[in-house]
C-alpha atoms as a PDB file:
ATOM      1  CA  MET A   1     263.967  49.403  36.091  1.00  0.00           C
ATOM      2  CA  ASP A   2     265.085  53.019  35.613  1.00  0.00           C
ATOM      3  CA  LYS A   3     263.359  54.566  32.626  1.00  0.00           C
ATOM      4  CA  ILE A   4     261.763  57.657  31.118  1.00  0.00           C
ATOM      5  CA  VAL A   5     258.355  57.076  29.557  1.00  0.00           C
ATOM      6  CA  ILE A   6     257.677  59.343  26.576  1.00  0.00           C
ATOM      7  CA  LYS A   7     254.106  59.947  25.431  1.00  0.00           C
ATOM      8  CA  TRP A   8     253.405  61.862  22.221  1.00  0.00           C
ATOM      9  CA  LEU A   9     250.498  64.271  22.591  1.00  0.00           C
ATOM     10  CA  GLY A  10     250.651  65.514  18.978  1.00  0.00           C
ATOM     11  CA  HIS A  11     252.783  67.886  16.891  1.00  0.00           C
ATOM     12  CA  SER A  12     255.812  68.613  19.118  1.00  0.00           C
ATOM     13  CA  CYS A  13     254.091  68.062  22.464  1.00  0.00           C
ATOM     14  CA  TYR A  14     255.281  65.247  24.716  1.00  0.00           C
ATOM     15  CA  ARG A  15     254.801  64.094  28.274  1.00  0.00           C
ATOM     16  CA  LEU A  16     257.895  62.665  29.958  1.00  0.00           C
ATOM     17  CA  GLU A  17     257.483  60.617  33.142  1.00  0.00           C
ATOM     18  CA  SER A  18     259.945  59.042  35.558  1.00  0.00           C
ATOM     19  CA  ASP A  19     259.349  57.868  39.120  1.00  0.00           C
ATOM     20  CA  GLY A  20     255.786  59.203  39.000  1.00  0.00           C
ATOM     21  CA  TYR A  21     257.005  62.719  38.157  1.00  0.00           C
ATOM     22  CA  SER A  22     255.976  64.197  34.801  1.00  0.00           C
ATOM     23  CA  ILE A  23     256.991  67.001  32.476  1.00  0.00           C
ATOM     24  CA  VAL A  24     255.078  68.340  29.462  1.00  0.00           C
ATOM     25  CA  VAL A  25     257.056  69.914  26.637  1.00  0.00           C
ATOM     26  CA  ASP A  26     255.640  72.304  24.013  1.00  0.00           C
ATOM     27  CA  PRO A  27     251.886  72.216  24.738  1.00  0.00           C
ATOM     28  CA  TYR A  28     249.726  73.610  21.939  1.00  0.00           C
ATOM     29  CA  LYS A  29     246.612  75.789  21.874  1.00  0.00           C
ATOM     30  CA  PHE A  30     243.502  74.122  20.480  1.00  0.00           C
ATOM     31  CA  GLY A  31     243.007  75.194  16.869  1.00  0.00           C
ATOM     32  CA  SER A  32     246.631  76.143  16.321  1.00  0.00           C
ATOM     33  CA  VAL A  33     247.498  72.853  14.577  1.00  0.00           C
ATOM     34  CA  PRO A  34     245.087  71.247  12.088  1.00  0.00           C
ATOM     35  CA  GLY A  35     243.814  67.844  13.167  1.00  0.00           C
ATOM     36  CA  LEU A  36     244.815  67.942  16.832  1.00  0.00           C
ATOM     37  CA  SER A  37     242.264  67.480  19.605  1.00  0.00           C
ATOM     38  CA  ARG A  38     241.986  69.857  22.534  1.00  0.00           C
ATOM     39  CA  LEU A  39     244.928  69.303  24.860  1.00  0.00           C
ATOM     40  CA  SER A  40     244.238  68.725  28.538  1.00  0.00           C
ATOM     41  CA  VAL A  41     247.042  67.164  30.545  1.00  0.00           C
ATOM     42  CA  ARG A  42     248.354  67.127  34.116  1.00  0.00           C
ATOM     43  CA  ALA A  43     252.057  67.316  34.963  1.00  0.00           C
ATOM     44  CA  ASN A  44     254.472  68.558  37.587  1.00  0.00           C
ATOM     45  CA  GLU A  45     256.273  70.924  35.226  1.00  0.00           C
ATOM     46  CA  VAL A  46     255.906  72.423  31.755  1.00  0.00           C
ATOM     47  CA  TYR A  47     258.642  73.598  29.387  1.00  0.00           C
ATOM     48  CA  CYS A  48     258.283  75.443  26.076  1.00  0.00           C
ATOM     49  CA  SER A  49     260.827  75.818  23.299  1.00  0.00           C
ATOM     50  CA  HIS A  50     259.285  79.167  22.319  1.00  0.00           C
ATOM     51  CA  GLY A  51     256.099  81.171  22.683  1.00  0.00           C
ATOM     52  CA  HIS A  52     254.139  80.381  19.512  1.00  0.00           C
ATOM     53  CA  ASP A  53     250.645  78.970  20.098  1.00  0.00           C
ATOM     54  CA  ASP A  54     251.548  75.540  18.748  1.00  0.00           C
ATOM     55  CA  HIS A  55     254.392  75.181  21.277  1.00  0.00           C
ATOM     56  CA  GLY A  56     253.882  77.588  24.161  1.00  0.00           C
ATOM     57  CA  TYR A  57     250.311  77.219  25.435  1.00  0.00           C
ATOM     58  CA  ARG A  58     251.036  76.547  29.100  1.00  0.00           C
ATOM     59  CA  GLN A  59     247.352  76.946  30.001  1.00  0.00           C
ATOM     60  CA  ALA A  60     246.676  73.464  28.596  1.00  0.00           C
ATOM     61  CA  VAL A  61     248.712  71.894  31.409  1.00  0.00           C
ATOM     62  CA  GLN A  62     247.298  71.489  34.908  1.00  0.00           C
ATOM     63  CA  LEU A  63     250.249  71.680  37.284  1.00  0.00           C
ATOM     64  CA  ALA A  64     250.706  69.281  40.184  1.00  0.00           C
ATOM     65  CA  PRO A  65     253.070  69.942  43.129  1.00  0.00           C
ATOM     66  CA  LYS A  66     256.807  69.606  42.483  1.00  0.00           C
ATOM     67  CA  GLU A  67     257.678  66.722  44.783  1.00  0.00           C
ATOM     68  CA  GLY A  68     260.429  64.156  44.356  1.00  0.00           C
ATOM     69  CA  LEU A  69     261.954  65.756  41.266  1.00  0.00           C
ATOM     70  CA  PRO A  70     264.008  63.087  39.388  1.00  0.00           C
ATOM     71  CA  PHE A  71     264.882  65.271  36.384  1.00  0.00           C
ATOM     72  CA  THR A  72     267.662  67.700  35.717  1.00  0.00           C
ATOM     73  CA  VAL A  73     267.106  70.069  32.791  1.00  0.00           C
ATOM     74  CA  THR A  74     269.692  71.658  30.507  1.00  0.00           C
ATOM     75  CA  LYS A  75     268.633  74.479  28.170  1.00  0.00           C
ATOM     76  CA  LEU A  76     270.473  75.335  24.952  1.00  0.00           C
ATOM     77  CA  ASP A  77     269.761  78.577  23.094  1.00  0.00           C
ATOM     78  CA  SER A  78     269.177  78.250  19.360  1.00  0.00           C
ATOM     79  CA  PHE A  79     267.051  79.796  16.603  1.00  0.00           C
ATOM     80  CA  HIS A  80     263.716  79.088  14.936  1.00  0.00           C
ATOM     81  CA  ASP A  81     265.206  79.870  11.518  1.00  0.00           C
ATOM     82  CA  GLU A  82     268.446  79.951   9.579  1.00  0.00           C
ATOM     83  CA  VAL A  83     268.975  83.725  10.021  1.00  0.00           C
ATOM     84  CA  GLN A  84     269.570  83.901  13.783  1.00  0.00           C
ATOM     85  CA  GLY A  85     265.910  84.388  14.641  1.00  0.00           C
ATOM     86  CA  ALA A  86     265.253  87.288  12.265  1.00  0.00           C
ATOM     87  CA  LYS A  87     262.208  85.529  10.779  1.00  0.00           C
ATOM     88  CA  ARG A  88     260.754  83.512  13.663  1.00  0.00           C
ATOM     89  CA  GLY A  89     262.712  84.311  16.792  1.00  0.00           C
ATOM     90  CA  PRO A  90     264.627  82.182  19.301  1.00  0.00           C
ATOM     91  CA  ASN A  91     264.223  78.488  20.088  1.00  0.00           C
ATOM     92  CA  THR A  92     265.250  76.581  23.203  1.00  0.00           C
ATOM     93  CA  ILE A  93     266.529  73.013  23.110  1.00  0.00           C
ATOM     94  CA  HIS A  94     265.881  71.049  26.304  1.00  0.00           C
ATOM     95  CA  ILE A  95     267.807  68.041  27.598  1.00  0.00           C
ATOM     96  CA  PHE A  96     265.934  66.158  30.319  1.00  0.00           C
ATOM     97  CA  GLU A  97     267.918  63.664  32.387  1.00  0.00           C
ATOM     98  CA  ALA A  98     266.795  61.130  34.989  1.00  0.00           C
ATOM     99  CA  HIS A  99     268.699  58.054  36.222  1.00  0.00           C
ATOM    100  CA  GLY A 100     271.431  58.752  33.690  1.00  0.00           C
ATOM    101  CA  ILE A 101     268.937  58.588  30.808  1.00  0.00           C
ATOM    102  CA  ARG A 102     268.923  61.671  28.578  1.00  0.00           C
ATOM    103  CA  VAL A 103     266.041  62.817  26.384  1.00  0.00           C
ATOM    104  CA  ALA A 104     266.555  65.844  24.127  1.00  0.00           C
ATOM    105  CA  HIS A 105     263.680  67.872  22.665  1.00  0.00           C
ATOM    106  CA  LEU A 106     264.869  70.145  19.849  1.00  0.00           C
ATOM    107  CA  GLY A 107     261.735  72.318  19.694  1.00  0.00           C
ATOM    108  CA  ASP A 108     261.352  74.196  16.410  1.00  0.00           C
ATOM    109  CA  LEU A 109     265.024  74.026  15.540  1.00  0.00           C
ATOM    110  CA  GLY A 110     265.672  75.911  12.328  1.00  0.00           C
ATOM    111  CA  CYS A 111     269.433  76.426  12.401  1.00  0.00           C
ATOM    112  CA  ALA A 112     272.689  74.519  12.591  1.00  0.00           C
ATOM    113  CA  LEU A 113     273.973  73.513  16.020  1.00  0.00           C
ATOM    114  CA  THR A 114     277.149  74.934  17.477  1.00  0.00           C
ATOM    115  CA  ARG A 115     280.047  72.581  18.135  1.00  0.00           C
ATOM    116  CA  GLU A 116     279.392  72.786  21.882  1.00  0.00           C
ATOM    117  CA  GLN A 117     275.714  71.945  21.373  1.00  0.00           C
ATOM    118  CA  GLN A 118     276.646  68.982  19.207  1.00  0.00           C
ATOM    119  CA  GLN A 119     278.888  67.679  21.970  1.00  0.00           C
ATOM    120  CA  LEU A 120     276.154  68.025  24.595  1.00  0.00           C
ATOM    121  CA  LEU A 121     273.566  66.274  22.404  1.00  0.00           C
ATOM    122  CA  THR A 122     275.720  63.475  21.036  1.00  0.00           C
ATOM    123  CA  GLY A 123     274.646  60.032  22.180  1.00  0.00           C
ATOM    124  CA  VAL A 124     271.419  61.024  23.946  1.00  0.00           C
ATOM    125  CA  ASP A 125     269.122  58.116  24.702  1.00  0.00           C
ATOM    126  CA  ALA A 126     266.207  59.721  22.853  1.00  0.00           C
ATOM    127  CA  LEU A 127     266.127  62.615  20.395  1.00  0.00           C
ATOM    128  CA  LEU A 128     262.797  64.321  19.638  1.00  0.00           C
ATOM    129  CA  ILE A 129     263.491  66.035  16.328  1.00  0.00           C
ATOM    130  CA  PRO A 130     261.416  68.142  13.881  1.00  0.00           C
ATOM    131  CA  VAL A 131     261.491  66.814  10.321  1.00  0.00           C
ATOM    132  CA  GLY A 132     258.790  68.736   8.415  1.00  0.00           C
ATOM    133  CA  GLY A 133     260.727  71.717   7.101  1.00  0.00           C
ATOM    134  CA  TYR A 134     259.403  75.200   6.279  1.00  0.00           C
ATOM    135  CA  TYR A 135     259.238  76.325   9.926  1.00  0.00           C
ATOM    136  CA  THR A 136     262.072  74.011  11.047  1.00  0.00           C
ATOM    137  CA  ILE A 137     264.895  71.943   9.646  1.00  0.00           C
ATOM    138  CA  ASP A 138     263.673  69.663   6.877  1.00  0.00           C
ATOM    139  CA  ALA A 139     263.837  65.891   6.471  1.00  0.00           C
ATOM    140  CA  LYS A 140     267.317  65.908   4.917  1.00  0.00           C
ATOM    141  CA  ALA A 141     268.789  68.165   7.586  1.00  0.00           C
ATOM    142  CA  ALA A 142     267.088  66.140  10.315  1.00  0.00           C
ATOM    143  CA  TRP A 143     268.477  62.859   9.024  1.00  0.00           C
ATOM    144  CA  GLU A 144     271.974  64.344   8.715  1.00  0.00           C
ATOM    145  CA  LEU A 145     271.706  65.631  12.277  1.00  0.00           C
ATOM    146  CA  ILE A 146     270.637  62.209  13.549  1.00  0.00           C
ATOM    147  CA  GLN A 147     273.660  60.635  11.879  1.00  0.00           C
ATOM    148  CA  LEU A 148     275.882  63.310  13.438  1.00  0.00           C
ATOM    149  CA  LEU A 149     274.469  63.067  16.974  1.00  0.00           C
ATOM    150  CA  ASN A 150     273.967  59.290  16.946  1.00  0.00           C
ATOM    151  CA  PRO A 151     271.085  59.081  19.430  1.00  0.00           C
ATOM    152  CA  VAL A 152     269.917  55.657  20.592  1.00  0.00           C
ATOM    153  CA  VAL A 153     266.278  56.367  19.715  1.00  0.00           C
ATOM    154  CA  ALA A 154     265.277  59.090  17.247  1.00  0.00           C
ATOM    155  CA  ILE A 155     261.612  60.150  17.275  1.00  0.00           C
ATOM    156  CA  PRO A 156     260.415  62.432  14.445  1.00  0.00           C
ATOM    157  CA  MET A 157     257.935  65.225  15.201  1.00  0.00           C
ATOM    158  CA  HIS A 158     256.455  68.374  13.613  1.00  0.00           C
ATOM    159  CA  TYR A 159     255.404  66.746  10.341  1.00  0.00           C
ATOM    160  CA  ARG A 160     252.206  66.314   8.305  1.00  0.00           C
ATOM    161  CA  THR A 161     250.016  63.242   7.873  1.00  0.00           C
ATOM    162  CA  ASP A 162     246.593  62.668   6.341  1.00  0.00           C
ATOM    163  CA  ARG A 163     245.136  63.434   9.756  1.00  0.00           C
ATOM    164  CA  LEU A 164     247.170  66.308  11.173  1.00  0.00           C
ATOM    165  CA  GLY A 165     249.732  69.010  10.543  1.00  0.00           C
ATOM    166  CA  TYR A 166     250.220  72.175   8.514  1.00  0.00           C
ATOM    167  CA  ASP A 167     249.820  71.993   4.741  1.00  0.00           C
ATOM    168  CA  VAL A 168     253.150  73.781   4.180  1.00  0.00           C
ATOM    169  CA  ILE A 169     255.289  71.227   6.004  1.00  0.00           C
ATOM    170  CA  ASP A 170     256.419  67.898   4.577  1.00  0.00           C
ATOM    171  CA  ARG A 171     254.759  64.571   5.189  1.00  0.00           C
ATOM    172  CA  LEU A 172     256.446  62.066   7.487  1.00  0.00           C
ATOM    173  CA  GLU A 173     257.279  59.887   4.484  1.00  0.00           C
ATOM    174  CA  ALA A 174     259.801  62.452   3.236  1.00  0.00           C
ATOM    175  CA  PHE A 175     261.883  61.713   6.327  1.00  0.00           C
ATOM    176  CA  LEU A 176     261.270  57.968   6.381  1.00  0.00           C
ATOM    177  CA  ASP A 177     262.412  57.660   2.774  1.00  0.00           C
ATOM    178  CA  LEU A 178     265.828  58.878   3.908  1.00  0.00           C
ATOM    179  CA  CYS A 179     266.270  56.787   7.032  1.00  0.00           C
ATOM    180  CA  GLY A 180     265.159  53.573   5.355  1.00  0.00           C
ATOM    181  CA  HIS A 181     263.828  51.517   8.247  1.00  0.00           C
ATOM    182  CA  ALA A 182     261.729  52.705  11.165  1.00  0.00           C
ATOM    183  CA  GLU A 183     259.880  51.084  14.028  1.00  0.00           C
ATOM    184  CA  TYR A 184     256.158  51.875  13.858  1.00  0.00           C
ATOM    185  CA  ARG A 185     254.253  51.794  17.118  1.00  0.00           C
ATOM    186  CA  THR A 186     250.468  51.641  17.174  1.00  0.00           C
ATOM    187  CA  GLU A 187     250.559  53.420  20.522  1.00  0.00           C
ATOM    188  CA  ASP A 188     251.676  56.926  21.466  1.00  0.00           C
ATOM    189  CA  THR A 189     254.160  55.824  24.141  1.00  0.00           C
ATOM    190  CA  ILE A 190     257.682  54.434  24.406  1.00  0.00           C
ATOM    191  CA  SER A 191     259.802  53.609  27.467  1.00  0.00           C
ATOM    192  CA  ILE A 192     263.413  54.731  27.173  1.00  0.00           C
ATOM    193  CA  GLU A 193     265.885  52.569  29.093  1.00  0.00           C
ATOM    194  CA  LYS A 194     269.612  51.989  28.989  1.00  0.00           C
ATOM    195  CA  GLY A 195     270.822  49.313  26.572  1.00  0.00           C
ATOM    196  CA  MET A 196     268.161  49.767  23.900  1.00  0.00           C
ATOM    197  CA  THR A 197     268.855  48.894  20.270  1.00  0.00           C
ATOM    198  CA  PRO A 198     269.419  52.021  18.132  1.00  0.00           C
ATOM    199  CA  ARG A 199     266.352  52.845  16.068  1.00  0.00           C
ATOM    200  CA  VAL A 200     264.052  55.446  14.533  1.00  0.00           C
ATOM    201  CA  THR A 201     260.652  55.144  16.203  1.00  0.00           C
ATOM    202  CA  VAL A 202     257.370  56.582  14.929  1.00  0.00           C
ATOM    203  CA  LEU A 203     254.666  57.005  17.551  1.00  0.00           C
ATOM    204  CA  THR A 204     250.939  57.114  16.702  1.00  0.00           C
ATOM    205  CA  TYR A 205     248.826  60.081  17.752  1.00  0.00           C
ATOM    206  CA  GLN A 206     245.886  58.934  19.868  1.00  0.00           C
ATOM    207  CA  GLY A 207     244.086  62.245  20.432  1.00  0.00           C
END
């Protein structure tokens, strides 16, 4: 069955795989995020939403040859803050598509989306969205954006737990209190396929 397998590697870092081809998004430098283990991962490609150490450490990814590429990638320019990048610079949203399945990674989104961006992101099969606030949109803004974009599966990222994350960002519970019900997975992986039931899914860091 056609699918994209999403594996959470901690913080905002994910590995996407389809047809044996893999992409890593937003790899982090060891020590840049409290509680995260050293990242060492192999993939065919790596994409970064911006250059900060907790999102742009390409050296953590061992690259394999680009053969049999199933993905197309769309990049949307945005900002890391609410003042057009004046505080934290630019941010790139990525939409990865394979077999008609679309997965959007919002990076460290800190601003409102344009109308065109909303149209491109509406109805994606999986939305990887920051919810912790301070450096990004907060839990309330994230939940409002999920309701606006209506993804099939929404996966929160860039938050704090007892084990990991920055002290200045909100705990995951701040977001979950708003969305009401969420699917908790004891693993760090989910397969995204067509026809899934809409849900908010929380993955468990295994590092």
